[in-house]
Amino acid sequence: MRKIGFHGPPSCTWVPVAVRHSDPHPSNQPLTHALSGANPETVTLNVPDRLIRADQLAESAQIRVRVMDGPISRQDGRVTRTIEDLFPPFGVTITCGPLSMRPLRESDAPGFEDAVRTHGIYDDGRVMPFLTPWADAGDRIGVNLLQRLLWSNWATFSPDQWQLPFRVEFEGRFVGVQDVFTRTPFLATRTLETGSWLLRPEQGRGTGTLMRQAVCAFAFDDLGAERMASGAFLGNESSLGVSRKVGYVPNGVHRLPQPDGEGWREELQLLLTPDAFVRPSDPVVCTGVDAFRRFIGLDAESDAPS
């Protein structure tokens, strides 16, 4: 095996990729050096997946690349941490049968916007399920996702105030978003809230129930939550039906302003506790939990955010 100056853990996965033989970008020099003068049909590279960039891919030079997880130990003894090491929320994943969830990233914005504009989320005759009609923003949807959700959330992420908006896939296709977030300091109240939506073609298939069950299992089992809150505007029977199936019970009614600021509408508040939680039939498997727990202050760590 031809190595390029990095050592990884013994358990790695092998994936076929195509890599260009030369690229002037400094971060690609290890790949360039390893391929220099080699037959790409026979060379196997042992590299971290973070060095495989989209602009390195080409139809020629099919090789096998060993994708390594975790921090990268260099031959000079220094350790290069991954983005998931630096910001552990990015490393959290949740799977349950055909459902998989991971935090939304910047690179998701174009596909996110295209899916919402193509399929929509609610029909004109139905109750608009959001506080503001963000799904009707046209070519501002992707920009708003970046500015108002992702960037603002990352900038203020702390043990007392955090939000994890998960990209949800069902059998490999993007179907919607499942959110879990704090309304009050979690370390003190052990209470989290959820919000979610599905693209119109994905509604009515049980996916909304499964993604809510999966994120609640993550909250109860991995984060030690004692209460899960949610809410839906009166008349939004799809969302209220999901909540009933998962085990939520009514917990009061709030008045909230109409999107245009004229008048108000009522939102039913909902509450779920561990003993009432209706679990999914498939097991819920989560990764990245230990690092995330330390990051939000549940477990001791010297560099947890303040």
Protein backbone atom coordinates (compact mmCIF):
# COMPACT_ATOMS: atom_id res chain seq x y z
CA MET A 1 0.00 0.00 0.00
CA ARG A 2 1.33 3.45 -0.85
CA LYS A 3 0.70 5.78 2.11
CA ILE A 4 0.81 9.57 2.09
CA GLY A 5 1.91 10.56 5.56
CA PHE A 6 -1.23 9.95 7.59
CA HIS A 7 -2.12 7.16 9.98
CA GLY A 8 -5.69 6.14 10.75
CA PRO A 9 -7.43 3.70 13.05
CA PRO A 10 -7.38 0.03 12.04
CA SER A 11 -11.10 -0.06 11.24
CA CYS A 12 -11.63 1.80 8.00
CA THR A 13 -13.97 1.54 5.07
CA TRP A 14 -12.96 1.29 1.42
CA VAL A 15 -14.68 3.40 -1.20
CA PRO A 16 -13.96 3.76 -4.93
CA VAL A 17 -13.29 7.33 -6.05
CA ALA A 18 -11.76 9.04 -9.04
CA VAL A 19 -8.93 11.48 -8.32
CA ARG A 20 -7.21 13.94 -10.62
CA HIS A 21 -3.42 13.42 -10.77
CA SER A 22 -2.50 17.01 -9.95
CA ASP A 23 -4.14 19.93 -8.26
CA PRO A 24 -2.34 23.13 -7.21
CA HIS A 25 -4.47 23.68 -4.13
CA PRO A 26 -2.26 23.24 -1.01
CA SER A 27 -4.76 20.97 0.74
CA ASN A 28 -4.52 18.54 -2.16
CA GLN A 29 -0.75 18.15 -2.17
CA PRO A 30 -0.76 14.83 -0.26
CA LEU A 31 -2.95 13.30 -2.95
CA THR A 32 -0.87 14.80 -5.73
CA HIS A 33 2.37 13.56 -4.19
CA ALA A 34 1.05 10.04 -3.64
CA LEU A 35 -0.21 9.71 -7.20
CA SER A 36 2.91 11.13 -8.82
CA GLY A 37 4.38 8.56 -11.21
CA ALA A 38 2.01 5.83 -10.02
CA ASN A 39 -0.38 3.67 -11.95
CA PRO A 40 -3.80 4.83 -10.71
CA GLU A 41 -5.34 1.49 -11.61
CA THR A 42 -3.31 -0.29 -8.94
CA VAL A 43 -2.47 2.33 -6.29
CA THR A 44 -4.42 2.29 -3.03
CA LEU A 45 -4.35 5.52 -1.02
CA ASN A 46 -4.75 5.64 2.74
CA VAL A 47 -6.23 9.10 3.23
CA PRO A 48 -8.82 10.82 5.43
CA ASP A 49 -12.11 11.55 3.70
CA ARG A 50 -11.70 15.27 4.48
CA LEU A 51 -8.93 15.47 1.86
CA ILE A 52 -11.14 14.16 -0.95
CA ARG A 53 -12.60 17.30 -2.46
CA ALA A 54 -15.18 17.59 -5.19
CA ASP A 55 -12.76 19.36 -7.52
CA GLN A 56 -10.43 16.34 -7.37
CA LEU A 57 -12.94 14.00 -8.92
CA ALA A 58 -12.59 12.96 -12.55
CA GLU A 59 -13.73 10.08 -14.72
CA SER A 60 -10.19 8.76 -15.04
CA ALA A 61 -7.79 7.40 -12.41
CA GLN A 62 -10.18 5.08 -10.61
CA ILE A 63 -8.51 4.11 -7.34
CA ARG A 64 -9.47 2.87 -3.90
CA VAL A 65 -9.28 5.33 -1.03
CA ARG A 66 -9.24 4.30 2.59
CA VAL A 67 -11.63 6.58 4.46
CA MET A 68 -10.56 7.09 8.05
CA ASP A 69 -12.76 8.32 10.90
CA GLY A 70 -11.76 10.54 13.78
CA PRO A 71 -8.79 12.86 14.30
CA ILE A 72 -5.94 12.52 11.80
CA SER A 73 -2.52 11.70 13.28
CA ARG A 74 0.29 13.02 11.13
CA GLN A 75 3.76 11.49 10.94
CA ASP A 76 5.20 14.56 12.66
CA GLY A 77 3.07 13.77 15.74
CA ARG A 78 0.60 16.62 15.34
CA VAL A 79 -3.12 15.94 15.18
CA THR A 80 -5.41 17.65 12.70
CA ARG A 81 -8.94 17.72 14.08
CA THR A 82 -11.94 17.28 11.80
CA ILE A 83 -14.83 19.74 11.55
CA GLU A 84 -16.88 17.29 13.63
CA ASP A 85 -14.16 17.36 16.31
CA LEU A 86 -14.22 21.16 16.34
CA PHE A 87 -18.02 21.43 16.32
CA PRO A 88 -19.51 18.15 17.65
CA PRO A 89 -23.12 18.94 16.66
CA PHE A 90 -22.04 18.19 13.08
CA GLY A 91 -21.13 14.64 14.13
CA VAL A 92 -24.55 13.62 15.46
CA THR A 93 -26.49 11.17 13.30
CA ILE A 94 -29.73 9.28 13.94
CA THR A 95 -30.95 6.23 12.05
CA CYS A 96 -34.12 4.17 12.46
CA GLY A 97 -34.84 1.54 9.86
CA PRO A 98 -35.05 3.27 6.45
CA LEU A 99 -34.83 6.72 8.08
CA SER A 100 -31.56 8.62 8.54
CA MET A 101 -30.93 12.08 9.94
CA ARG A 102 -27.90 14.33 10.14
CA PRO A 103 -27.53 18.06 10.88
CA LEU A 104 -28.15 20.43 8.00
CA ARG A 105 -24.96 21.91 6.54
CA GLU A 106 -24.23 24.83 4.25
CA SER A 107 -23.82 22.51 1.27
CA ASP A 108 -27.45 21.39 1.69
CA ALA A 109 -28.87 24.85 0.91
CA PRO A 110 -29.15 24.56 -2.93
CA GLY A 111 -30.87 21.15 -2.83
CA PHE A 112 -33.03 22.28 0.10
CA GLU A 113 -34.28 25.29 -1.85
CA ASP A 114 -34.88 23.28 -5.01
CA ALA A 115 -36.88 20.59 -3.18
CA VAL A 116 -39.10 23.11 -1.38
CA ARG A 117 -39.75 25.12 -4.55
CA THR A 118 -40.44 21.99 -6.60
CA HIS A 119 -42.65 20.04 -4.20
CA GLY A 120 -43.89 22.53 -1.61
CA ILE A 121 -44.84 21.78 1.97
CA TYR A 122 -48.51 22.71 2.30
CA ASP A 123 -51.44 23.26 -0.04
CA ASP A 124 -53.09 26.64 -0.39
CA GLY A 125 -56.25 25.34 1.25
CA ARG A 126 -54.49 24.05 4.37
CA VAL A 127 -53.45 25.84 7.52
CA MET A 128 -50.08 27.53 7.02
CA PRO A 129 -48.08 25.59 9.63
CA PHE A 130 -45.28 28.12 10.25
CA LEU A 131 -45.04 31.38 12.13
CA THR A 132 -43.85 33.02 8.91
CA PRO A 133 -44.38 31.81 5.32
CA TRP A 134 -40.69 31.07 4.72
CA ALA A 135 -41.48 28.28 2.22
CA ASP A 136 -43.02 30.88 -0.12
CA ALA A 137 -39.84 32.98 -0.33
CA GLY A 138 -38.86 31.70 -3.82
CA ASP A 139 -35.19 32.25 -4.61
CA ARG A 140 -34.60 33.55 -1.07
CA ILE A 141 -35.31 30.15 0.53
CA GLY A 142 -31.70 28.96 0.39
CA VAL A 143 -30.28 32.31 1.50
CA ASN A 144 -32.73 32.48 4.39
CA LEU A 145 -31.78 28.95 5.42
CA LEU A 146 -28.14 29.96 5.64
CA GLN A 147 -28.59 33.35 7.30
CA ARG A 148 -31.56 32.87 9.60
CA LEU A 149 -31.18 29.24 10.62
CA LEU A 150 -27.71 27.79 10.11
CA TRP A 151 -25.28 30.69 10.54
CA SER A 152 -27.22 32.40 13.32
CA ASN A 153 -27.68 29.09 15.13
CA TRP A 154 -24.01 28.13 14.93
CA ALA A 155 -22.91 31.57 16.14
CA THR A 156 -25.03 31.37 19.31
CA PHE A 157 -24.74 27.63 20.06
CA SER A 158 -24.21 27.10 23.80
CA PRO A 159 -25.31 24.71 26.56
CA ASP A 160 -28.20 27.06 27.41
CA GLN A 161 -29.28 27.81 23.85
CA TRP A 162 -28.89 25.36 20.99
CA GLN A 163 -30.73 23.96 18.01
CA LEU A 164 -30.16 20.86 15.87
CA PRO A 165 -32.04 21.00 12.56
CA PHE A 166 -31.69 17.54 11.01
CA ARG A 167 -31.80 16.79 7.31
CA VAL A 168 -34.10 13.75 7.02
CA GLU A 169 -33.71 11.07 4.37
CA PHE A 170 -35.99 8.09 3.81
CA GLU A 171 -34.47 5.26 1.79
CA GLY A 172 -31.79 7.71 0.67
CA ARG A 173 -33.98 10.56 -0.60
CA PHE A 174 -34.40 13.95 1.07
CA VAL A 175 -37.89 14.21 2.58
CA GLY A 176 -37.85 17.04 5.11
CA VAL A 177 -36.39 18.50 8.30
CA GLN A 178 -36.68 17.46 11.93
CA ASP A 179 -35.65 20.06 14.48
CA VAL A 180 -34.85 19.71 18.18
CA PHE A 181 -33.96 22.76 20.24
CA THR A 182 -33.92 24.44 23.64
CA ARG A 183 -36.48 27.01 24.72
CA THR A 184 -35.15 27.10 28.28
CA PRO A 185 -31.67 26.18 29.62
CA PHE A 186 -31.56 22.41 29.11
CA LEU A 187 -29.12 21.66 31.92
CA ALA A 188 -31.60 23.15 34.38
CA THR A 189 -34.98 22.15 32.94
CA ARG A 190 -34.17 18.95 30.99
CA THR A 191 -36.82 20.07 28.48
CA LEU A 192 -36.46 20.16 24.70
CA GLU A 193 -38.80 21.13 21.88
CA THR A 194 -39.33 19.71 18.42
CA GLY A 195 -40.51 21.05 15.10
CA SER A 196 -40.65 19.37 11.71
CA TRP A 197 -41.96 19.43 8.17
CA LEU A 198 -42.17 17.11 5.18
CA LEU A 199 -42.27 17.75 1.47
CA ARG A 200 -45.79 17.27 0.11
CA PRO A 201 -45.12 13.99 -1.78
CA GLU A 202 -43.76 12.46 1.45
CA GLN A 203 -46.75 13.28 3.64
CA GLY A 204 -49.29 10.70 4.78
CA ARG A 205 -46.83 7.78 4.71
CA GLY A 206 -45.88 7.55 8.38
CA THR A 207 -42.52 9.26 7.86
CA GLY A 208 -43.45 12.24 10.03
CA THR A 209 -44.27 9.93 12.92
CA LEU A 210 -41.04 7.96 12.52
CA MET A 211 -38.77 11.02 12.43
CA ARG A 212 -40.46 12.45 15.54
CA GLN A 213 -40.07 9.11 17.33
CA ALA A 214 -36.40 8.93 16.34
CA VAL A 215 -35.52 12.41 17.59
CA CYS A 216 -37.45 11.88 20.83
CA ALA A 217 -35.59 8.61 21.43
CA PHE A 218 -32.32 10.52 20.95
CA ALA A 219 -33.45 13.18 23.42
CA PHE A 220 -34.71 10.79 26.11
CA ASP A 221 -32.13 8.02 25.83
CA ASP A 222 -28.95 9.86 24.88
CA LEU A 223 -29.43 13.34 26.34
CA GLY A 224 -31.48 12.48 29.42
CA ALA A 225 -34.40 14.76 28.53
CA GLU A 226 -37.39 14.47 30.88
CA ARG A 227 -39.91 16.47 28.86
CA MET A 228 -40.42 17.04 25.13
CA ALA A 229 -42.58 19.95 24.06
CA SER A 230 -44.14 20.70 20.71
CA GLY A 231 -46.99 22.70 19.25
CA ALA A 232 -49.26 22.97 16.22
CA PHE A 233 -51.80 25.53 15.09
CA LEU A 234 -55.39 24.47 15.56
CA GLY A 235 -56.57 22.98 12.28
CA ASN A 236 -53.18 21.46 11.41
CA GLU A 237 -54.51 17.93 11.80
CA SER A 238 -51.48 16.25 10.20
CA SER A 239 -49.09 17.58 12.83
CA LEU A 240 -51.53 17.02 15.68
CA GLY A 241 -52.08 13.44 14.49
CA VAL A 242 -48.35 12.72 14.55
CA SER A 243 -48.10 14.08 18.10
CA ARG A 244 -50.95 11.87 19.30
CA LYS A 245 -49.35 8.78 17.75
CA VAL A 246 -46.04 9.49 19.51
CA GLY A 247 -47.73 9.99 22.89
CA TYR A 248 -47.97 13.77 23.33
CA VAL A 249 -50.85 15.17 25.37
CA PRO A 250 -52.37 18.70 25.24
CA ASN A 251 -50.64 21.24 27.45
CA GLY A 252 -52.52 24.49 26.96
CA VAL A 253 -53.20 26.93 24.11
CA HIS A 254 -51.17 29.97 23.08
CA ARG A 255 -52.21 32.94 21.00
CA LEU A 256 -49.69 33.85 18.31
CA PRO A 257 -49.84 36.63 15.71
CA GLN A 258 -50.92 35.97 12.16
CA PRO A 259 -48.04 36.06 9.62
CA ASP A 260 -49.24 39.46 8.36
CA GLY A 261 -49.41 40.82 11.89
CA GLU A 262 -53.16 41.35 11.67
CA GLY A 263 -54.98 39.41 14.37
CA TRP A 264 -53.98 36.14 15.99
CA ARG A 265 -54.38 32.38 15.78
CA GLU A 266 -54.23 29.65 18.40
CA GLU A 267 -51.46 27.08 18.80
CA LEU A 268 -52.07 23.95 20.82
CA GLN A 269 -49.14 23.19 23.12
CA LEU A 270 -48.18 19.54 23.53
CA LEU A 271 -46.09 17.61 26.05
CA LEU A 272 -44.40 14.20 25.94
CA THR A 273 -42.78 12.36 28.85
CA PRO A 274 -40.66 9.18 28.73
CA ASP A 275 -43.35 6.96 30.24
CA ALA A 276 -45.90 8.03 27.60
CA PHE A 277 -43.49 7.83 24.66
CA VAL A 278 -44.58 5.42 21.90
CA ARG A 279 -41.35 4.06 20.47
CA PRO A 280 -40.79 3.00 16.86
CA SER A 281 -40.66 -0.69 15.96
CA ASP A 282 -37.10 -0.38 14.62
CA PRO A 283 -34.19 0.42 16.97
CA VAL A 284 -32.91 4.00 17.00
CA VAL A 285 -29.13 4.20 16.54
CA CYS A 286 -27.28 7.44 17.25
CA THR A 287 -23.65 8.38 16.67
CA GLY A 288 -21.57 11.31 17.90
CA VAL A 289 -23.46 11.38 21.19
CA ASP A 290 -20.52 11.39 23.63
CA ALA A 291 -18.83 14.40 22.02
CA PHE A 292 -22.14 16.25 21.75
CA ARG A 293 -22.95 15.61 25.43
CA ARG A 294 -19.60 17.10 26.42
CA PHE A 295 -20.11 20.04 24.10
CA ILE A 296 -23.43 21.04 25.67
CA GLY A 297 -22.13 20.54 29.21
CA LEU A 298 -23.86 17.29 30.14
CA ASP A 299 -20.50 15.63 30.70
CA ALA A 300 -17.32 17.32 31.89
CA GLU A 301 -14.93 18.69 29.28
CA SER A 302 -12.46 21.51 29.65
CA ASP A 303 -13.22 23.07 26.26
CA ALA A 304 -17.02 22.83 26.35
CA PRO A 305 -18.65 26.07 25.11
CA SER A 306 -19.55 28.74 27.64
